[in-house]
Amino acid sequence: MFKRKPKPGTLLAHVLVTLAYPAARALTEPQNRLLLFTDAMTIIAIVLLVCGIVYALILRGDFDISGFAFLRGLRGGGKNYDAYKADRQKEREEAFNYPLFLGILYLLAAAVIAWGFY
């Protein structure tokens, strides 16, 4: 599922951005901060999981023909489908699915935090 290792800088940026809302939500309320943090983190995790599944389909090449047709219509003419597919293959080999990875991680973390303080 995860062929490449994540880049630490990119991973840190994704973590900071995705945990900003749960942290802000927990810090702005006077009571039940941990409950609000885990609830917000669960919502973020589910959204990331859905986005990660769609991104996994994109990385697998399921939408290549749609992207090719869209770009060909937008630009008019251009290269053929085989050249487009070869270019996309290079990009796919270097890609890491951050949304799916963080969605799984946040869902597990929210479950552990909620279970530990139950």
N, C-alpha and C. Protein backbone atom coordinates (compact mmCIF):
# COMPACT_ATOMS: atom_id res chain seq x y z
N MET A 1 0.83 -1.18 0.00
CA MET A 1 0.00 0.00 0.00
C MET A 1 0.87 1.25 0.00
N PHE A 2 1.89 1.29 0.84
CA PHE A 2 2.79 2.43 0.91
C PHE A 2 4.14 2.00 0.36
N LYS A 3 4.40 2.31 -0.91
CA LYS A 3 5.62 1.86 -1.56
C LYS A 3 6.81 2.74 -1.22
N ARG A 4 6.58 4.01 -0.99
CA ARG A 4 7.65 4.95 -0.72
C ARG A 4 7.60 5.39 0.74
N LYS A 5 8.74 5.85 1.23
CA LYS A 5 8.78 6.39 2.58
C LYS A 5 8.41 7.87 2.53
N PRO A 6 7.73 8.35 3.56
CA PRO A 6 7.36 9.77 3.54
C PRO A 6 8.57 10.67 3.78
N LYS A 7 8.52 11.85 3.22
CA LYS A 7 9.56 12.84 3.45
C LYS A 7 9.24 13.53 4.77
N PRO A 8 10.22 13.65 5.67
CA PRO A 8 9.93 14.21 7.00
C PRO A 8 9.36 15.63 6.98
N GLY A 9 9.88 16.49 6.12
CA GLY A 9 9.39 17.86 6.06
C GLY A 9 7.95 17.94 5.58
N THR A 10 7.64 17.18 4.56
CA THR A 10 6.28 17.15 4.03
C THR A 10 5.32 16.53 5.04
N LEU A 11 5.77 15.47 5.70
CA LEU A 11 4.93 14.83 6.71
C LEU A 11 4.65 15.79 7.87
N LEU A 12 5.66 16.51 8.30
CA LEU A 12 5.47 17.48 9.39
C LEU A 12 4.49 18.57 8.99
N ALA A 13 4.59 19.05 7.76
CA ALA A 13 3.66 20.08 7.29
C ALA A 13 2.22 19.54 7.27
N HIS A 14 2.04 18.32 6.79
CA HIS A 14 0.70 17.72 6.78
C HIS A 14 0.15 17.53 8.19
N VAL A 15 1.00 17.11 9.11
CA VAL A 15 0.56 16.91 10.49
C VAL A 15 0.15 18.23 11.12
N LEU A 16 0.95 19.27 10.93
CA LEU A 16 0.63 20.58 11.51
C LEU A 16 -0.67 21.14 10.95
N VAL A 17 -0.87 21.00 9.67
CA VAL A 17 -2.09 21.53 9.07
C VAL A 17 -3.33 20.74 9.50
N THR A 18 -3.21 19.43 9.52
CA THR A 18 -4.39 18.63 9.84
C THR A 18 -4.73 18.61 11.33
N LEU A 19 -3.76 18.84 12.17
CA LEU A 19 -4.06 18.89 13.61
C LEU A 19 -4.36 20.30 14.11
N ALA A 20 -4.33 21.28 13.23
CA ALA A 20 -4.61 22.65 13.65
C ALA A 20 -6.05 22.80 14.14
N TYR A 21 -7.01 22.25 13.40
CA TYR A 21 -8.40 22.37 13.82
C TYR A 21 -8.71 21.64 15.13
N PRO A 22 -8.30 20.37 15.30
CA PRO A 22 -8.58 19.73 16.59
C PRO A 22 -7.91 20.45 17.76
N ALA A 23 -6.71 20.95 17.57
CA ALA A 23 -6.03 21.67 18.65
C ALA A 23 -6.75 22.97 18.96
N ALA A 24 -7.14 23.71 17.93
CA ALA A 24 -7.85 24.97 18.15
C ALA A 24 -9.20 24.72 18.81
N ARG A 25 -9.86 23.67 18.39
CA ARG A 25 -11.16 23.33 18.99
C ARG A 25 -11.02 22.99 20.46
N ALA A 26 -9.97 22.26 20.80
CA ALA A 26 -9.76 21.87 22.21
C ALA A 26 -9.33 23.06 23.05
N LEU A 27 -8.56 23.96 22.50
CA LEU A 27 -8.05 25.09 23.27
C LEU A 27 -9.09 26.18 23.49
N THR A 28 -10.10 26.27 22.66
CA THR A 28 -11.09 27.34 22.79
C THR A 28 -12.23 27.01 23.74
N GLU A 29 -12.36 25.78 24.14
CA GLU A 29 -13.43 25.39 25.04
C GLU A 29 -12.91 25.25 26.47
N PRO A 30 -13.68 25.69 27.44
CA PRO A 30 -13.20 25.59 28.83
C PRO A 30 -13.34 24.20 29.44
N GLN A 31 -14.28 23.39 28.95
CA GLN A 31 -14.50 22.06 29.53
C GLN A 31 -14.47 21.00 28.44
N ASN A 32 -14.22 19.77 28.85
CA ASN A 32 -14.21 18.61 27.95
C ASN A 32 -13.25 18.77 26.78
N ARG A 33 -12.07 19.26 27.06
CA ARG A 33 -11.09 19.52 26.00
C ARG A 33 -10.65 18.24 25.31
N LEU A 34 -10.38 17.21 26.08
CA LEU A 34 -9.92 15.97 25.47
C LEU A 34 -11.00 15.32 24.62
N LEU A 35 -12.23 15.39 25.07
CA LEU A 35 -13.34 14.85 24.29
C LEU A 35 -13.49 15.60 22.97
N LEU A 36 -13.41 16.92 23.02
CA LEU A 36 -13.51 17.71 21.80
C LEU A 36 -12.33 17.46 20.87
N PHE A 37 -11.14 17.27 21.43
CA PHE A 37 -9.96 16.99 20.61
C PHE A 37 -10.11 15.66 19.89
N THR A 38 -10.53 14.62 20.61
CA THR A 38 -10.67 13.31 19.97
C THR A 38 -11.82 13.29 18.96
N ASP A 39 -12.90 14.00 19.25
CA ASP A 39 -14.00 14.08 18.28
C ASP A 39 -13.56 14.78 16.99
N ALA A 40 -12.88 15.90 17.15
CA ALA A 40 -12.41 16.63 15.96
C ALA A 40 -11.36 15.83 15.21
N MET A 41 -10.50 15.12 15.94
CA MET A 41 -9.48 14.31 15.27
C MET A 41 -10.11 13.13 14.54
N THR A 42 -11.18 12.58 15.07
CA THR A 42 -11.89 11.49 14.40
C THR A 42 -12.53 11.99 13.10
N ILE A 43 -13.12 13.17 13.14
CA ILE A 43 -13.72 13.73 11.93
C ILE A 43 -12.66 14.00 10.88
N ILE A 44 -11.54 14.58 11.29
CA ILE A 44 -10.44 14.84 10.36
C ILE A 44 -9.91 13.52 9.81
N ALA A 45 -9.82 12.49 10.64
CA ALA A 45 -9.32 11.19 10.20
C ALA A 45 -10.23 10.57 9.15
N ILE A 46 -11.54 10.69 9.33
CA ILE A 46 -12.47 10.12 8.36
C ILE A 46 -12.39 10.86 7.03
N VAL A 47 -12.28 12.18 7.09
CA VAL A 47 -12.13 12.96 5.85
C VAL A 47 -10.82 12.58 5.15
N LEU A 48 -9.74 12.43 5.92
CA LEU A 48 -8.46 12.04 5.34
C LEU A 48 -8.51 10.64 4.75
N LEU A 49 -9.22 9.73 5.40
CA LEU A 49 -9.36 8.37 4.86
C LEU A 49 -10.08 8.36 3.51
N VAL A 50 -11.15 9.12 3.40
CA VAL A 50 -11.88 9.20 2.14
C VAL A 50 -10.99 9.80 1.05
N CYS A 51 -10.31 10.90 1.38
CA CYS A 51 -9.40 11.53 0.42
C CYS A 51 -8.24 10.59 0.07
N GLY A 52 -7.76 9.84 1.04
CA GLY A 52 -6.67 8.90 0.79
C GLY A 52 -7.08 7.75 -0.10
N ILE A 53 -8.31 7.28 0.03
CA ILE A 53 -8.80 6.22 -0.84
C ILE A 53 -8.93 6.72 -2.28
N VAL A 54 -9.45 7.93 -2.44
CA VAL A 54 -9.54 8.51 -3.79
C VAL A 54 -8.15 8.73 -4.36
N TYR A 55 -7.23 9.22 -3.54
CA TYR A 55 -5.85 9.44 -4.00
C TYR A 55 -5.17 8.11 -4.34
N ALA A 56 -5.48 7.05 -3.62
CA ALA A 56 -4.93 5.73 -3.94
C ALA A 56 -5.44 5.25 -5.30
N LEU A 57 -6.68 5.54 -5.61
CA LEU A 57 -7.21 5.20 -6.94
C LEU A 57 -6.51 6.01 -8.02
N ILE A 58 -6.23 7.27 -7.73
CA ILE A 58 -5.51 8.10 -8.69
C ILE A 58 -4.10 7.57 -8.89
N LEU A 59 -3.43 7.20 -7.80
CA LEU A 59 -2.08 6.67 -7.90
C LEU A 59 -2.04 5.33 -8.63
N ARG A 60 -3.10 4.59 -8.55
CA ARG A 60 -3.16 3.31 -9.24
C ARG A 60 -3.39 3.48 -10.74
N GLY A 61 -3.84 4.65 -11.15
CA GLY A 61 -4.04 4.93 -12.57
C GLY A 61 -5.46 4.76 -13.05
N ASP A 62 -6.41 4.73 -12.14
CA ASP A 62 -7.80 4.51 -12.53
C ASP A 62 -8.41 5.69 -13.27
N PHE A 63 -7.86 6.88 -13.09
CA PHE A 63 -8.43 8.07 -13.73
C PHE A 63 -7.50 8.64 -14.81
N ASP A 64 -6.59 7.83 -15.33
CA ASP A 64 -5.65 8.31 -16.33
C ASP A 64 -6.34 8.75 -17.62
N ILE A 65 -7.26 7.96 -18.09
CA ILE A 65 -7.92 8.30 -19.35
C ILE A 65 -8.77 9.56 -19.20
N SER A 66 -9.38 9.73 -18.03
CA SER A 66 -10.18 10.94 -17.79
C SER A 66 -9.29 12.18 -17.76
N GLY A 67 -8.16 12.07 -17.06
CA GLY A 67 -7.22 13.20 -17.02
C GLY A 67 -6.64 13.51 -18.38
N PHE A 68 -6.35 12.48 -19.15
CA PHE A 68 -5.82 12.69 -20.50
C PHE A 68 -6.85 13.38 -21.38
N ALA A 69 -8.09 12.93 -21.33
CA ALA A 69 -9.13 13.54 -22.14
C ALA A 69 -9.38 14.99 -21.73
N PHE A 70 -9.35 15.26 -20.45
CA PHE A 70 -9.55 16.62 -19.97
C PHE A 70 -8.43 17.54 -20.43
N LEU A 71 -7.18 17.10 -20.26
CA LEU A 71 -6.05 17.92 -20.67
C LEU A 71 -5.98 18.08 -22.19
N ARG A 72 -6.33 17.05 -22.90
CA ARG A 72 -6.32 17.15 -24.35
C ARG A 72 -7.38 18.13 -24.83
N GLY A 73 -8.54 18.10 -24.21
CA GLY A 73 -9.58 19.06 -24.56
C GLY A 73 -9.22 20.47 -24.15
N LEU A 74 -8.52 20.60 -23.03
CA LEU A 74 -8.13 21.92 -22.53
C LEU A 74 -7.03 22.53 -23.39
N ARG A 75 -6.03 21.73 -23.72
CA ARG A 75 -4.88 22.22 -24.47
C ARG A 75 -5.07 22.08 -25.98
N GLY A 76 -5.82 21.11 -26.38
CA GLY A 76 -6.01 20.86 -27.81
C GLY A 76 -4.81 20.17 -28.42
N GLY A 77 -4.98 18.94 -28.85
CA GLY A 77 -3.87 18.20 -29.44
C GLY A 77 -2.89 17.74 -28.39
N GLY A 78 -1.61 17.82 -28.70
CA GLY A 78 -0.58 17.43 -27.74
C GLY A 78 -0.14 16.00 -27.95
N LYS A 79 0.42 15.43 -26.89
CA LYS A 79 0.99 14.09 -27.00
C LYS A 79 -0.10 13.02 -26.95
N ASN A 80 0.30 11.83 -27.29
CA ASN A 80 -0.66 10.72 -27.30
C ASN A 80 -0.82 10.14 -25.89
N TYR A 81 -1.73 9.20 -25.77
CA TYR A 81 -2.07 8.64 -24.46
C TYR A 81 -0.92 7.85 -23.85
N ASP A 82 -0.15 7.13 -24.66
CA ASP A 82 0.96 6.35 -24.13
C ASP A 82 2.03 7.23 -23.50
N ALA A 83 2.34 8.37 -24.12
CA ALA A 83 3.31 9.30 -23.55
C ALA A 83 2.77 9.92 -22.26
N TYR A 84 1.49 10.25 -22.25
CA TYR A 84 0.87 10.79 -21.04
C TYR A 84 0.92 9.78 -19.90
N LYS A 85 0.63 8.53 -20.21
CA LYS A 85 0.63 7.48 -19.19
C LYS A 85 2.04 7.23 -18.66
N ALA A 86 3.05 7.31 -19.51
CA ALA A 86 4.44 7.14 -19.06
C ALA A 86 4.86 8.27 -18.13
N ASP A 87 4.44 9.49 -18.44
CA ASP A 87 4.75 10.63 -17.56
C ASP A 87 4.07 10.47 -16.20
N ARG A 88 2.84 10.04 -16.21
CA ARG A 88 2.10 9.85 -14.96
C ARG A 88 2.71 8.71 -14.14
N GLN A 89 3.25 7.68 -14.80
CA GLN A 89 3.86 6.56 -14.08
C GLN A 89 5.07 7.03 -13.28
N LYS A 90 5.85 7.93 -13.84
CA LYS A 90 7.00 8.48 -13.12
C LYS A 90 6.55 9.22 -11.86
N GLU A 91 5.50 10.02 -11.99
CA GLU A 91 4.97 10.75 -10.84
C GLU A 91 4.42 9.80 -9.78
N ARG A 92 3.77 8.72 -10.22
CA ARG A 92 3.18 7.76 -9.29
C ARG A 92 4.23 7.04 -8.47
N GLU A 93 5.35 6.72 -9.08
CA GLU A 93 6.40 5.99 -8.38
C GLU A 93 7.02 6.82 -7.26
N GLU A 94 7.00 8.14 -7.38
CA GLU A 94 7.59 9.01 -6.38
C GLU A 94 6.58 9.48 -5.33
N ALA A 95 5.33 9.17 -5.49
CA ALA A 95 4.28 9.70 -4.63
C ALA A 95 4.10 8.86 -3.37
N PHE A 96 3.71 9.53 -2.30
CA PHE A 96 3.35 8.86 -1.04
C PHE A 96 1.95 9.31 -0.68
N ASN A 97 1.13 8.41 -0.19
CA ASN A 97 -0.26 8.71 0.13
C ASN A 97 -0.36 9.23 1.56
N TYR A 98 -0.07 10.52 1.73
CA TYR A 98 -0.12 11.14 3.05
C TYR A 98 -1.53 11.14 3.65
N PRO A 99 -2.59 11.44 2.89
CA PRO A 99 -3.92 11.44 3.50
C PRO A 99 -4.33 10.09 4.08
N LEU A 100 -4.05 9.02 3.37
CA LEU A 100 -4.42 7.69 3.88
C LEU A 100 -3.59 7.32 5.10
N PHE A 101 -2.31 7.59 5.05
CA PHE A 101 -1.42 7.30 6.18
C PHE A 101 -1.84 8.08 7.43
N LEU A 102 -2.06 9.37 7.29
CA LEU A 102 -2.45 10.18 8.44
C LEU A 102 -3.86 9.87 8.91
N GLY A 103 -4.76 9.53 8.00
CA GLY A 103 -6.12 9.15 8.40
C GLY A 103 -6.12 7.91 9.28
N ILE A 104 -5.34 6.91 8.89
CA ILE A 104 -5.23 5.69 9.70
C ILE A 104 -4.57 6.01 11.04
N LEU A 105 -3.51 6.79 11.00
CA LEU A 105 -2.79 7.15 12.22
C LEU A 105 -3.67 7.94 13.19
N TYR A 106 -4.41 8.92 12.69
CA TYR A 106 -5.27 9.73 13.55
C TYR A 106 -6.44 8.93 14.10
N LEU A 107 -6.99 8.04 13.31
CA LEU A 107 -8.10 7.22 13.79
C LEU A 107 -7.64 6.30 14.91
N LEU A 108 -6.47 5.70 14.74
CA LEU A 108 -5.92 4.86 15.81
C LEU A 108 -5.57 5.69 17.05
N ALA A 109 -4.99 6.86 16.85
CA ALA A 109 -4.62 7.72 17.98
C ALA A 109 -5.87 8.19 18.74
N ALA A 110 -6.91 8.55 18.02
CA ALA A 110 -8.16 8.97 18.68
C ALA A 110 -8.77 7.82 19.47
N ALA A 111 -8.71 6.62 18.92
CA ALA A 111 -9.26 5.46 19.63
C ALA A 111 -8.45 5.15 20.88
N VAL A 112 -7.13 5.24 20.79
CA VAL A 112 -6.27 4.96 21.95
C VAL A 112 -6.48 6.02 23.02
N ILE A 113 -6.55 7.28 22.62
CA ILE A 113 -6.76 8.36 23.61
C ILE A 113 -8.12 8.20 24.27
N ALA A 114 -9.16 7.94 23.49
CA ALA A 114 -10.50 7.79 24.05
C ALA A 114 -10.60 6.56 24.95
N TRP A 115 -9.95 5.47 24.56
CA TRP A 115 -9.99 4.24 25.36
C TRP A 115 -9.17 4.40 26.63
N GLY A 116 -8.07 5.11 26.56
CA GLY A 116 -7.20 5.28 27.70
C GLY A 116 -7.80 6.16 28.80
N PHE A 117 -8.66 7.09 28.41
CA PHE A 117 -9.26 8.01 29.38
C PHE A 117 -10.74 7.73 29.61
N TYR A 118 -11.20 6.55 29.24
CA TYR A 118 -12.60 6.21 29.40
C TYR A 118 -12.93 5.91 30.81
